[in-house]
Amino acid sequence: MRICFFGTSSAIPSAGNGYTSFVVELAGRVVLVDTGDNALSRMLDLKIDPTQFDAIVLTHEHADHLGSFPALIAALECMNRSKALTIILPPTLTPRVLKLLALFDYYPERLGFELSFASEWAVSGGTDTSRGGARVELLPGNHSEFTMMTRFIAEDGALLYTSDIRYRSGQYAAPARGCDAMIHEATYSSLTLPAETRHSSALEAGRAA
């Protein structure tokens, strides 16, 4: 399993660092996690062919995580992508994503490639990771109504991504069990964390680990 970050600035971009987005390579497949600012440009920087990656995880409905999703789909259409693309997201979020695409006159049935929606995803050897399989699972988060944590499991490792999340002691033990690494999104420092927030501080990310 390999991970490459496209941006790590959470909801507040900085010079040279955009919204949180990254790719995970597992079992020979490439999965984009949230669409960030310009995921396609970063793929090209890394020599990843945008017409060939396999899936996109959309963790929740906020603009810094899926706002550029329609532009990414439009670019893939312009690049004549033909390979099917799976969007991994909670079922309750699918209608919102379809409405977002429709705002720009993009409809799955009119694209030059198949666009499918799923709440979990298995590849290669299916759920049997000991035979080269891999899977991507969505788990309930603690940020907004539709936010999901994402767990990636493959023969060579397992990863938990919390996405935006309000820290709560003990809530990570079960989802992270068996994982080799955890990516915990932190929006604030411990000194600037608001009393009422749906995000975490860097200190709380450390406590979660």
N, C-alpha and C. Protein backbone atom coordinates (compact mmCIF):
# COMPACT_ATOMS: atom_id res chain seq x y z
N MET A 1 0.84 -1.19 0.00
CA MET A 1 0.00 0.00 0.00
C MET A 1 0.88 1.24 0.00
N ARG A 2 0.52 2.19 -0.86
CA ARG A 2 1.25 3.45 -0.93
C ARG A 2 0.26 4.61 -0.85
N ILE A 3 0.71 5.70 -0.22
CA ILE A 3 -0.13 6.87 -0.02
C ILE A 3 0.63 8.10 -0.51
N CYS A 4 -0.06 8.98 -1.22
CA CYS A 4 0.56 10.25 -1.62
C CYS A 4 -0.46 11.37 -1.41
N PHE A 5 -0.07 12.38 -0.64
CA PHE A 5 -0.96 13.50 -0.35
C PHE A 5 -0.90 14.54 -1.46
N PHE A 6 -2.07 15.04 -1.85
CA PHE A 6 -2.18 16.14 -2.80
C PHE A 6 -2.30 17.47 -2.06
N GLY A 7 -2.89 17.43 -0.88
CA GLY A 7 -3.06 18.62 -0.05
C GLY A 7 -3.35 18.20 1.37
N THR A 8 -2.93 19.02 2.34
CA THR A 8 -3.12 18.66 3.76
C THR A 8 -3.60 19.86 4.58
N SER A 9 -4.21 20.85 3.93
CA SER A 9 -4.55 22.09 4.63
C SER A 9 -5.97 22.12 5.18
N SER A 10 -6.65 20.98 5.20
CA SER A 10 -8.02 20.93 5.71
C SER A 10 -8.86 22.00 5.02
N ALA A 11 -9.67 22.75 5.78
CA ALA A 11 -10.61 23.69 5.18
C ALA A 11 -9.98 25.04 4.83
N ILE A 12 -8.74 25.26 5.23
CA ILE A 12 -8.09 26.56 5.02
C ILE A 12 -6.82 26.35 4.22
N PRO A 13 -6.84 26.53 2.89
CA PRO A 13 -5.64 26.33 2.08
C PRO A 13 -4.55 27.34 2.43
N SER A 14 -3.33 26.96 2.16
CA SER A 14 -2.20 27.87 2.34
C SER A 14 -1.41 27.89 1.03
N ALA A 15 -0.46 28.80 0.95
CA ALA A 15 0.35 28.89 -0.27
C ALA A 15 1.05 27.56 -0.52
N GLY A 16 0.78 26.97 -1.66
CA GLY A 16 1.43 25.71 -2.01
C GLY A 16 0.82 24.48 -1.39
N ASN A 17 -0.27 24.63 -0.65
CA ASN A 17 -0.88 23.46 0.00
C ASN A 17 -2.40 23.63 0.00
N GLY A 18 -3.09 22.74 -0.70
CA GLY A 18 -4.53 22.87 -0.86
C GLY A 18 -5.34 22.02 0.10
N TYR A 19 -6.62 21.91 -0.20
CA TYR A 19 -7.52 21.11 0.64
C TYR A 19 -7.04 19.67 0.75
N THR A 20 -7.45 19.00 1.82
CA THR A 20 -7.02 17.63 2.05
C THR A 20 -7.53 16.70 0.94
N SER A 21 -6.58 16.00 0.32
CA SER A 21 -6.88 15.04 -0.74
C SER A 21 -5.65 14.18 -0.92
N PHE A 22 -5.85 12.90 -1.21
CA PHE A 22 -4.70 12.02 -1.41
C PHE A 22 -5.11 10.80 -2.22
N VAL A 23 -4.12 10.07 -2.69
CA VAL A 23 -4.38 8.81 -3.38
C VAL A 23 -3.79 7.66 -2.57
N VAL A 24 -4.48 6.54 -2.62
CA VAL A 24 -4.02 5.30 -2.00
C VAL A 24 -3.90 4.26 -3.11
N GLU A 25 -2.75 3.62 -3.20
CA GLU A 25 -2.56 2.51 -4.14
C GLU A 25 -2.57 1.22 -3.35
N LEU A 26 -3.49 0.33 -3.68
CA LEU A 26 -3.57 -0.94 -2.99
C LEU A 26 -4.02 -2.01 -3.97
N ALA A 27 -3.37 -3.17 -3.88
CA ALA A 27 -3.65 -4.30 -4.77
C ALA A 27 -3.62 -3.89 -6.23
N GLY A 28 -2.71 -2.99 -6.56
CA GLY A 28 -2.55 -2.57 -7.95
C GLY A 28 -3.60 -1.61 -8.44
N ARG A 29 -4.45 -1.12 -7.55
CA ARG A 29 -5.49 -0.16 -7.93
C ARG A 29 -5.20 1.19 -7.28
N VAL A 30 -5.70 2.25 -7.88
CA VAL A 30 -5.48 3.60 -7.37
C VAL A 30 -6.82 4.22 -6.99
N VAL A 31 -6.92 4.67 -5.74
CA VAL A 31 -8.14 5.27 -5.21
C VAL A 31 -7.85 6.71 -4.79
N LEU A 32 -8.62 7.65 -5.31
CA LEU A 32 -8.52 9.06 -4.92
C LEU A 32 -9.47 9.30 -3.75
N VAL A 33 -8.96 9.95 -2.70
CA VAL A 33 -9.78 10.26 -1.53
C VAL A 33 -10.08 11.76 -1.49
N ASP A 34 -11.32 12.10 -1.71
CA ASP A 34 -11.79 13.48 -1.82
C ASP A 34 -11.09 14.19 -2.98
N THR A 35 -11.73 15.21 -3.50
CA THR A 35 -11.25 15.79 -4.75
C THR A 35 -10.42 17.06 -4.58
N GLY A 36 -10.38 17.61 -3.36
CA GLY A 36 -9.49 18.72 -3.09
C GLY A 36 -9.64 19.88 -4.06
N ASP A 37 -8.50 20.52 -4.39
CA ASP A 37 -8.53 21.68 -5.27
C ASP A 37 -8.43 21.29 -6.75
N ASN A 38 -7.37 20.57 -7.08
CA ASN A 38 -7.15 20.17 -8.48
C ASN A 38 -6.44 18.83 -8.50
N ALA A 39 -7.20 17.80 -8.16
CA ALA A 39 -6.62 16.47 -8.04
C ALA A 39 -6.03 15.99 -9.36
N LEU A 40 -6.67 16.34 -10.47
CA LEU A 40 -6.20 15.87 -11.77
C LEU A 40 -4.80 16.41 -12.06
N SER A 41 -4.56 17.67 -11.76
CA SER A 41 -3.24 18.26 -11.98
C SER A 41 -2.18 17.54 -11.15
N ARG A 42 -2.52 17.22 -9.90
CA ARG A 42 -1.55 16.52 -9.05
C ARG A 42 -1.30 15.10 -9.55
N MET A 43 -2.32 14.45 -10.09
CA MET A 43 -2.12 13.13 -10.69
C MET A 43 -1.11 13.20 -11.82
N LEU A 44 -1.25 14.20 -12.66
CA LEU A 44 -0.33 14.35 -13.78
C LEU A 44 1.09 14.61 -13.28
N ASP A 45 1.22 15.38 -12.20
CA ASP A 45 2.54 15.62 -11.60
C ASP A 45 3.20 14.31 -11.18
N LEU A 46 2.37 13.37 -10.71
CA LEU A 46 2.88 12.09 -10.20
C LEU A 46 2.92 10.99 -11.27
N LYS A 47 2.63 11.38 -12.50
CA LYS A 47 2.62 10.42 -13.61
C LYS A 47 1.52 9.38 -13.45
N ILE A 48 0.43 9.75 -12.77
CA ILE A 48 -0.75 8.89 -12.69
C ILE A 48 -1.68 9.26 -13.83
N ASP A 49 -2.06 8.30 -14.64
CA ASP A 49 -2.93 8.55 -15.78
C ASP A 49 -4.36 8.77 -15.28
N PRO A 50 -4.92 9.98 -15.41
CA PRO A 50 -6.28 10.23 -14.91
C PRO A 50 -7.35 9.40 -15.60
N THR A 51 -7.05 8.86 -16.76
CA THR A 51 -8.04 8.02 -17.45
C THR A 51 -8.03 6.58 -16.96
N GLN A 52 -7.10 6.26 -16.02
CA GLN A 52 -6.95 4.86 -15.62
C GLN A 52 -7.10 4.59 -14.13
N PHE A 53 -7.17 5.62 -13.29
CA PHE A 53 -7.34 5.32 -11.86
C PHE A 53 -8.73 4.71 -11.65
N ASP A 54 -8.95 4.09 -10.48
CA ASP A 54 -10.07 3.17 -10.35
C ASP A 54 -11.29 3.67 -9.58
N ALA A 55 -11.08 4.50 -8.57
CA ALA A 55 -12.21 4.87 -7.72
C ALA A 55 -11.95 6.20 -7.02
N ILE A 56 -13.03 6.81 -6.56
CA ILE A 56 -12.97 8.03 -5.76
C ILE A 56 -13.79 7.83 -4.50
N VAL A 57 -13.20 8.14 -3.34
CA VAL A 57 -13.95 8.19 -2.09
C VAL A 57 -14.38 9.63 -1.84
N LEU A 58 -15.66 9.85 -1.60
CA LEU A 58 -16.17 11.16 -1.18
C LEU A 58 -16.64 11.01 0.26
N THR A 59 -15.90 11.58 1.21
CA THR A 59 -16.18 11.33 2.62
C THR A 59 -17.40 12.09 3.14
N HIS A 60 -17.63 13.31 2.60
CA HIS A 60 -18.82 14.05 3.01
C HIS A 60 -19.09 15.21 2.07
N GLU A 61 -20.15 15.98 2.37
CA GLU A 61 -20.71 16.91 1.40
C GLU A 61 -20.08 18.30 1.40
N HIS A 62 -19.11 18.58 2.25
CA HIS A 62 -18.58 19.93 2.34
C HIS A 62 -17.70 20.30 1.15
N ALA A 63 -17.68 21.59 0.84
CA ALA A 63 -17.07 22.08 -0.40
C ALA A 63 -15.59 21.74 -0.52
N ASP A 64 -14.86 21.76 0.60
CA ASP A 64 -13.42 21.49 0.52
C ASP A 64 -13.12 20.02 0.27
N HIS A 65 -14.14 19.16 0.32
CA HIS A 65 -13.93 17.74 0.08
C HIS A 65 -14.52 17.26 -1.25
N LEU A 66 -15.61 17.87 -1.70
CA LEU A 66 -16.17 17.43 -2.98
C LEU A 66 -16.54 18.58 -3.92
N GLY A 67 -16.21 19.81 -3.55
CA GLY A 67 -16.59 20.95 -4.36
C GLY A 67 -16.09 20.90 -5.79
N SER A 68 -14.89 20.35 -6.00
CA SER A 68 -14.32 20.30 -7.35
C SER A 68 -14.64 18.99 -8.07
N PHE A 69 -15.50 18.17 -7.48
CA PHE A 69 -15.86 16.90 -8.10
C PHE A 69 -16.44 17.07 -9.51
N PRO A 70 -17.38 18.00 -9.73
CA PRO A 70 -17.91 18.15 -11.10
C PRO A 70 -16.82 18.53 -12.11
N ALA A 71 -15.88 19.40 -11.71
CA ALA A 71 -14.81 19.79 -12.62
C ALA A 71 -13.92 18.61 -12.96
N LEU A 72 -13.69 17.73 -11.99
CA LEU A 72 -12.89 16.53 -12.25
C LEU A 72 -13.60 15.61 -13.25
N ILE A 73 -14.89 15.40 -13.05
CA ILE A 73 -15.65 14.56 -13.99
C ILE A 73 -15.65 15.18 -15.38
N ALA A 74 -15.82 16.50 -15.45
CA ALA A 74 -15.80 17.18 -16.74
C ALA A 74 -14.47 17.00 -17.44
N ALA A 75 -13.37 17.12 -16.68
CA ALA A 75 -12.04 16.95 -17.27
C ALA A 75 -11.83 15.54 -17.78
N LEU A 76 -12.30 14.54 -17.03
CA LEU A 76 -12.16 13.14 -17.45
C LEU A 76 -12.95 12.89 -18.74
N GLU A 77 -14.10 13.53 -18.85
CA GLU A 77 -14.90 13.41 -20.07
C GLU A 77 -14.16 14.03 -21.25
N CYS A 78 -13.55 15.20 -21.03
CA CYS A 78 -12.80 15.86 -22.10
C CYS A 78 -11.56 15.07 -22.51
N MET A 79 -11.02 14.28 -21.56
CA MET A 79 -9.84 13.47 -21.85
C MET A 79 -10.22 12.13 -22.49
N ASN A 80 -11.50 11.95 -22.78
CA ASN A 80 -12.00 10.73 -23.42
C ASN A 80 -11.77 9.49 -22.58
N ARG A 81 -11.93 9.63 -21.28
CA ARG A 81 -11.82 8.44 -20.43
C ARG A 81 -12.91 7.45 -20.84
N SER A 82 -12.56 6.17 -20.90
CA SER A 82 -13.54 5.13 -21.20
C SER A 82 -13.65 4.10 -20.08
N LYS A 83 -12.66 4.06 -19.20
CA LYS A 83 -12.66 3.09 -18.11
C LYS A 83 -13.72 3.46 -17.07
N ALA A 84 -14.44 2.47 -16.58
CA ALA A 84 -15.47 2.69 -15.56
C ALA A 84 -14.84 3.28 -14.30
N LEU A 85 -15.59 4.12 -13.61
CA LEU A 85 -15.12 4.78 -12.40
C LEU A 85 -16.13 4.58 -11.28
N THR A 86 -15.68 4.08 -10.14
CA THR A 86 -16.56 3.85 -9.00
C THR A 86 -16.43 5.00 -8.01
N ILE A 87 -17.56 5.54 -7.57
CA ILE A 87 -17.59 6.56 -6.54
C ILE A 87 -18.03 5.89 -5.24
N ILE A 88 -17.16 5.91 -4.23
CA ILE A 88 -17.44 5.27 -2.95
C ILE A 88 -17.90 6.35 -1.98
N LEU A 89 -19.14 6.23 -1.51
CA LEU A 89 -19.72 7.27 -0.66
C LEU A 89 -20.92 6.70 0.08
N PRO A 90 -21.35 7.35 1.16
CA PRO A 90 -22.56 6.86 1.83
C PRO A 90 -23.76 7.01 0.92
N PRO A 91 -24.68 6.06 0.91
CA PRO A 91 -25.85 6.13 0.01
C PRO A 91 -26.65 7.41 0.16
N THR A 92 -26.71 7.95 1.38
CA THR A 92 -27.48 9.17 1.62
C THR A 92 -26.86 10.39 0.94
N LEU A 93 -25.59 10.30 0.57
CA LEU A 93 -24.92 11.42 -0.09
C LEU A 93 -25.08 11.37 -1.61
N THR A 94 -25.41 10.21 -2.16
CA THR A 94 -25.50 10.05 -3.61
C THR A 94 -26.45 11.06 -4.27
N PRO A 95 -27.67 11.28 -3.75
CA PRO A 95 -28.55 12.26 -4.40
C PRO A 95 -27.96 13.65 -4.47
N ARG A 96 -27.22 14.06 -3.45
CA ARG A 96 -26.60 15.39 -3.46
C ARG A 96 -25.51 15.48 -4.52
N VAL A 97 -24.75 14.43 -4.65
CA VAL A 97 -23.68 14.41 -5.65
C VAL A 97 -24.28 14.47 -7.06
N LEU A 98 -25.35 13.74 -7.28
CA LEU A 98 -26.02 13.76 -8.58
C LEU A 98 -26.58 15.15 -8.89
N LYS A 99 -27.13 15.82 -7.89
CA LYS A 99 -27.63 17.18 -8.07
C LYS A 99 -26.49 18.14 -8.40
N LEU A 100 -25.34 17.93 -7.74
CA LEU A 100 -24.18 18.78 -8.01
C LEU A 100 -23.71 18.62 -9.45
N LEU A 101 -23.67 17.39 -9.94
CA LEU A 101 -23.30 17.15 -11.33
C LEU A 101 -24.32 17.77 -12.28
N ALA A 102 -25.59 17.65 -11.93
CA ALA A 102 -26.65 18.15 -12.80
C ALA A 102 -26.60 19.67 -12.94
N LEU A 103 -26.09 20.37 -11.93
CA LEU A 103 -25.95 21.82 -12.02
C LEU A 103 -25.09 22.24 -13.21
N PHE A 104 -24.17 21.36 -13.58
CA PHE A 104 -23.25 21.65 -14.69
C PHE A 104 -23.59 20.83 -15.93
N ASP A 105 -24.81 20.27 -15.91
CA ASP A 105 -25.31 19.52 -17.06
C ASP A 105 -24.51 18.25 -17.32
N TYR A 106 -24.04 17.62 -16.24
CA TYR A 106 -23.35 16.33 -16.36
C TYR A 106 -24.23 15.26 -15.70
N TYR A 107 -24.54 14.24 -16.47
CA TYR A 107 -25.40 13.15 -16.00
C TYR A 107 -24.68 11.83 -16.27
N PRO A 108 -24.64 10.91 -15.30
CA PRO A 108 -23.90 9.65 -15.48
C PRO A 108 -24.24 8.92 -16.77
N GLU A 109 -25.51 8.91 -17.16
CA GLU A 109 -25.92 8.16 -18.35
C GLU A 109 -25.45 8.81 -19.65
N ARG A 110 -24.97 10.04 -19.60
CA ARG A 110 -24.51 10.72 -20.80
C ARG A 110 -22.99 10.77 -20.92
N LEU A 111 -22.29 10.28 -19.92
CA LEU A 111 -20.82 10.31 -19.95
C LEU A 111 -20.27 9.23 -20.87
N GLY A 112 -19.05 9.42 -21.31
CA GLY A 112 -18.39 8.44 -22.17
C GLY A 112 -17.80 7.29 -21.39
N PHE A 113 -17.95 7.31 -20.06
CA PHE A 113 -17.47 6.21 -19.22
C PHE A 113 -18.53 5.93 -18.16
N GLU A 114 -18.55 4.69 -17.67
CA GLU A 114 -19.54 4.30 -16.67
C GLU A 114 -19.18 4.90 -15.32
N LEU A 115 -20.14 5.56 -14.69
CA LEU A 115 -19.97 6.13 -13.37
C LEU A 115 -20.93 5.41 -12.43
N SER A 116 -20.38 4.66 -11.47
CA SER A 116 -21.23 3.90 -10.55
C SER A 116 -20.98 4.35 -9.13
N PHE A 117 -21.96 4.10 -8.26
CA PHE A 117 -21.91 4.54 -6.87
C PHE A 117 -22.01 3.33 -5.96
N ALA A 118 -21.17 3.28 -4.91
CA ALA A 118 -21.15 2.14 -3.99
C ALA A 118 -20.76 2.61 -2.60
N SER A 119 -21.21 1.90 -1.58
CA SER A 119 -20.87 2.25 -0.20
C SER A 119 -19.69 1.44 0.32
N GLU A 120 -19.22 0.46 -0.45
CA GLU A 120 -18.00 -0.28 -0.14
C GLU A 120 -17.45 -0.81 -1.46
N TRP A 121 -16.19 -1.25 -1.42
CA TRP A 121 -15.53 -1.61 -2.67
C TRP A 121 -14.50 -2.69 -2.40
N ALA A 122 -14.50 -3.74 -3.19
CA ALA A 122 -13.51 -4.80 -3.07
C ALA A 122 -12.86 -5.04 -4.42
N VAL A 123 -11.56 -5.34 -4.41
CA VAL A 123 -10.83 -5.52 -5.67
C VAL A 123 -9.99 -6.79 -5.62
N SER A 124 -9.53 -7.19 -6.80
CA SER A 124 -8.64 -8.36 -6.97
C SER A 124 -9.25 -9.59 -6.31
N GLY A 125 -8.65 -10.03 -5.19
CA GLY A 125 -9.12 -11.23 -4.51
C GLY A 125 -10.33 -10.99 -3.65
N GLY A 126 -11.03 -9.89 -3.88
CA GLY A 126 -12.22 -9.60 -3.10
C GLY A 126 -11.88 -9.26 -1.66
N THR A 127 -12.67 -9.79 -0.73
CA THR A 127 -12.45 -9.48 0.68
C THR A 127 -11.33 -10.32 1.29
N ASP A 128 -10.81 -11.29 0.56
CA ASP A 128 -9.72 -12.12 1.06
C ASP A 128 -8.39 -11.43 0.78
N THR A 129 -7.94 -10.60 1.73
CA THR A 129 -6.71 -9.84 1.53
C THR A 129 -5.47 -10.73 1.54
N SER A 130 -5.58 -11.94 2.07
CA SER A 130 -4.43 -12.84 2.08
C SER A 130 -4.13 -13.37 0.69
N ARG A 131 -5.04 -13.19 -0.25
CA ARG A 131 -4.85 -13.66 -1.63
C ARG A 131 -4.72 -12.49 -2.60
N GLY A 132 -4.20 -11.39 -2.09
CA GLY A 132 -3.97 -10.24 -2.94
C GLY A 132 -5.17 -9.34 -3.11
N GLY A 133 -6.23 -9.60 -2.34
CA GLY A 133 -7.41 -8.77 -2.44
C GLY A 133 -7.26 -7.50 -1.62
N ALA A 134 -8.21 -6.62 -1.75
CA ALA A 134 -8.23 -5.38 -0.98
C ALA A 134 -9.66 -4.89 -0.91
N ARG A 135 -9.93 -4.09 0.10
CA ARG A 135 -11.27 -3.52 0.20
C ARG A 135 -11.21 -2.13 0.82
N VAL A 136 -12.23 -1.36 0.51
CA VAL A 136 -12.39 -0.02 1.05
C VAL A 136 -13.74 0.02 1.76
N GLU A 137 -13.72 0.41 3.02
CA GLU A 137 -14.94 0.41 3.83
C GLU A 137 -15.22 1.82 4.35
N LEU A 138 -16.50 2.16 4.47
CA LEU A 138 -16.92 3.43 5.06
C LEU A 138 -17.47 3.16 6.45
N LEU A 139 -17.06 4.00 7.41
CA LEU A 139 -17.50 3.86 8.80
C LEU A 139 -18.03 5.20 9.29
N PRO A 140 -19.06 5.22 10.13
CA PRO A 140 -19.64 6.48 10.58
C PRO A 140 -18.61 7.37 11.26
N GLY A 141 -18.62 8.65 10.88
CA GLY A 141 -17.72 9.63 11.48
C GLY A 141 -18.44 10.50 12.49
N ASN A 142 -17.82 11.61 12.86
CA ASN A 142 -18.38 12.49 13.87
C ASN A 142 -18.09 13.94 13.47
N HIS A 143 -18.71 14.36 12.35
CA HIS A 143 -18.48 15.71 11.86
C HIS A 143 -19.78 16.33 11.36
N SER A 144 -20.32 15.79 10.29
CA SER A 144 -21.62 16.24 9.78
C SER A 144 -22.48 15.00 9.53
N GLU A 145 -23.68 15.22 9.07
CA GLU A 145 -24.63 14.12 8.94
C GLU A 145 -24.12 12.97 8.08
N PHE A 146 -23.42 13.31 6.99
CA PHE A 146 -23.03 12.28 6.03
C PHE A 146 -21.55 11.89 6.12
N THR A 147 -20.80 12.44 7.07
CA THR A 147 -19.36 12.20 7.09
C THR A 147 -19.02 10.75 7.43
N MET A 148 -18.08 10.20 6.65
CA MET A 148 -17.64 8.83 6.88
C MET A 148 -16.12 8.78 7.06
N MET A 149 -15.68 7.98 8.03
CA MET A 149 -14.28 7.59 8.06
C MET A 149 -14.09 6.51 7.01
N THR A 150 -12.87 6.34 6.55
CA THR A 150 -12.60 5.35 5.50
C THR A 150 -11.49 4.42 5.94
N ARG A 151 -11.71 3.12 5.78
CA ARG A 151 -10.69 2.13 6.12
C ARG A 151 -10.28 1.38 4.85
N PHE A 152 -8.97 1.33 4.63
CA PHE A 152 -8.39 0.63 3.48
C PHE A 152 -7.68 -0.60 4.01
N ILE A 153 -8.00 -1.76 3.47
CA ILE A 153 -7.41 -3.01 3.95
C ILE A 153 -6.85 -3.79 2.77
N ALA A 154 -5.58 -4.12 2.84
CA ALA A 154 -4.92 -4.91 1.79
C ALA A 154 -3.97 -5.90 2.45
N GLU A 155 -3.40 -6.77 1.64
CA GLU A 155 -2.50 -7.80 2.16
C GLU A 155 -1.29 -7.19 2.85
N ASP A 156 -0.83 -6.04 2.36
CA ASP A 156 0.39 -5.45 2.89
C ASP A 156 0.14 -4.33 3.90
N GLY A 157 -1.08 -4.18 4.38
CA GLY A 157 -1.32 -3.17 5.41
C GLY A 157 -2.75 -2.69 5.45
N ALA A 158 -3.05 -1.91 6.49
CA ALA A 158 -4.39 -1.34 6.64
C ALA A 158 -4.25 0.10 7.14
N LEU A 159 -5.17 0.95 6.70
CA LEU A 159 -5.13 2.37 6.97
C LEU A 159 -6.51 2.87 7.34
N LEU A 160 -6.60 3.75 8.35
CA LEU A 160 -7.85 4.42 8.70
C LEU A 160 -7.69 5.91 8.46
N TYR A 161 -8.64 6.50 7.72
CA TYR A 161 -8.68 7.95 7.52
C TYR A 161 -9.94 8.48 8.20
N THR A 162 -9.77 9.43 9.13
CA THR A 162 -10.91 9.92 9.90
C THR A 162 -11.73 10.96 9.14
N SER A 163 -11.15 11.62 8.14
CA SER A 163 -11.74 12.80 7.51
C SER A 163 -11.95 13.86 8.59
N ASP A 164 -12.71 14.92 8.29
CA ASP A 164 -13.03 15.90 9.32
C ASP A 164 -13.76 15.18 10.45
N ILE A 165 -13.38 15.49 11.69
CA ILE A 165 -14.00 14.76 12.80
C ILE A 165 -13.84 15.56 14.09
N ARG A 166 -14.86 15.52 14.93
CA ARG A 166 -14.77 16.11 16.26
C ARG A 166 -14.20 15.06 17.18
N TYR A 167 -13.12 15.40 17.86
CA TYR A 167 -12.43 14.43 18.73
C TYR A 167 -13.36 13.96 19.85
N ARG A 168 -13.33 12.66 20.05
CA ARG A 168 -14.05 12.04 21.17
C ARG A 168 -13.22 10.87 21.65
N SER A 169 -12.82 10.89 22.89
CA SER A 169 -11.95 9.85 23.44
C SER A 169 -12.58 8.47 23.26
N GLY A 170 -11.79 7.54 22.74
CA GLY A 170 -12.22 6.16 22.62
C GLY A 170 -12.95 5.81 21.34
N GLN A 171 -13.33 6.80 20.53
CA GLN A 171 -14.13 6.49 19.34
C GLN A 171 -13.32 5.87 18.21
N TYR A 172 -11.99 5.86 18.32
CA TYR A 172 -11.16 5.36 17.23
C TYR A 172 -10.68 3.93 17.46
N ALA A 173 -10.87 3.41 18.65
CA ALA A 173 -10.30 2.10 18.99
C ALA A 173 -10.81 1.00 18.07
N ALA A 174 -12.11 0.90 17.93
CA ALA A 174 -12.68 -0.17 17.09
C ALA A 174 -12.38 0.03 15.61
N PRO A 175 -12.60 1.23 15.04
CA PRO A 175 -12.30 1.41 13.61
C PRO A 175 -10.83 1.21 13.26
N ALA A 176 -9.94 1.58 14.19
CA ALA A 176 -8.50 1.50 13.90
C ALA A 176 -7.89 0.16 14.26
N ARG A 177 -8.67 -0.73 14.84
CA ARG A 177 -8.12 -2.03 15.24
C ARG A 177 -7.59 -2.78 14.03
N GLY A 178 -6.33 -3.22 14.11
CA GLY A 178 -5.71 -3.95 13.02
C GLY A 178 -5.06 -3.05 11.97
N CYS A 179 -5.23 -1.74 12.11
CA CYS A 179 -4.63 -0.81 11.14
C CYS A 179 -3.17 -0.53 11.47
N ASP A 180 -2.37 -0.29 10.45
CA ASP A 180 -0.96 0.03 10.63
C ASP A 180 -0.73 1.54 10.73
N ALA A 181 -1.70 2.32 10.25
CA ALA A 181 -1.56 3.77 10.28
C ALA A 181 -2.93 4.41 10.32
N MET A 182 -2.98 5.64 10.84
CA MET A 182 -4.20 6.42 10.86
C MET A 182 -3.90 7.83 10.39
N ILE A 183 -4.72 8.34 9.50
CA ILE A 183 -4.64 9.74 9.08
C ILE A 183 -5.79 10.45 9.77
N HIS A 184 -5.47 11.36 10.68
CA HIS A 184 -6.48 12.08 11.45
C HIS A 184 -6.44 13.54 11.04
N GLU A 185 -7.52 14.02 10.47
CA GLU A 185 -7.54 15.40 10.00
C GLU A 185 -7.70 16.37 11.18
N ALA A 186 -6.81 17.36 11.25
CA ALA A 186 -6.84 18.37 12.30
C ALA A 186 -6.91 19.75 11.64
N THR A 187 -7.92 20.54 12.01
CA THR A 187 -8.14 21.84 11.38
C THR A 187 -7.52 22.99 12.18
N TYR A 188 -7.38 22.81 13.48
CA TYR A 188 -6.92 23.89 14.36
C TYR A 188 -5.73 23.45 15.20
N SER A 189 -5.02 24.43 15.73
CA SER A 189 -4.06 24.15 16.79
C SER A 189 -4.85 24.03 18.09
N SER A 190 -4.22 23.51 19.14
CA SER A 190 -4.94 23.35 20.41
C SER A 190 -5.31 24.71 21.01
N LEU A 191 -4.56 25.77 20.65
CA LEU A 191 -4.83 27.10 21.20
C LEU A 191 -5.97 27.81 20.48
N THR A 192 -6.22 27.45 19.24
CA THR A 192 -7.24 28.14 18.45
C THR A 192 -8.51 27.31 18.25
N LEU A 193 -8.56 26.12 18.81
CA LEU A 193 -9.73 25.26 18.64
C LEU A 193 -10.96 25.90 19.28
N PRO A 194 -12.01 26.19 18.53
CA PRO A 194 -13.22 26.81 19.12
C PRO A 194 -13.88 25.87 20.12
N ALA A 195 -14.59 26.48 21.06
CA ALA A 195 -15.30 25.68 22.06
C ALA A 195 -16.38 24.84 21.40
N GLU A 196 -17.05 25.41 20.41
CA GLU A 196 -18.07 24.69 19.67
C GLU A 196 -17.56 24.45 18.25
N THR A 197 -17.24 23.23 17.94
CA THR A 197 -16.68 22.92 16.62
C THR A 197 -16.97 21.47 16.27
N ARG A 198 -16.89 21.17 14.99
CA ARG A 198 -17.02 19.78 14.52
C ARG A 198 -15.67 19.29 13.98
N HIS A 199 -14.59 19.96 14.39
CA HIS A 199 -13.25 19.61 13.94
C HIS A 199 -12.36 19.23 15.12
N SER A 200 -11.12 18.90 14.81
CA SER A 200 -10.15 18.50 15.83
C SER A 200 -8.94 19.42 15.79
N SER A 201 -8.20 19.42 16.89
CA SER A 201 -6.92 20.11 16.92
C SER A 201 -5.80 19.12 16.65
N ALA A 202 -4.62 19.64 16.38
CA ALA A 202 -3.46 18.77 16.18
C ALA A 202 -3.16 17.96 17.43
N LEU A 203 -3.33 18.56 18.60
CA LEU A 203 -3.11 17.85 19.85
C LEU A 203 -4.08 16.68 19.99
N GLU A 204 -5.33 16.91 19.62
CA GLU A 204 -6.32 15.84 19.71
C GLU A 204 -6.04 14.72 18.72
N ALA A 205 -5.46 15.09 17.55
CA ALA A 205 -5.07 14.05 16.61
C ALA A 205 -4.02 13.14 17.24
N GLY A 206 -3.08 13.76 17.98
CA GLY A 206 -2.07 12.97 18.68
C GLY A 206 -2.69 12.09 19.75
N ARG A 207 -3.66 12.61 20.46
CA ARG A 207 -4.34 11.80 21.46
C ARG A 207 -5.09 10.64 20.83
N ALA A 208 -5.68 10.88 19.68
CA ALA A 208 -6.39 9.82 18.97
C ALA A 208 -5.43 8.70 18.60
N ALA A 209 -4.23 9.06 18.13
CA ALA A 209 -3.22 8.06 17.78
C ALA A 209 -2.81 7.26 19.01
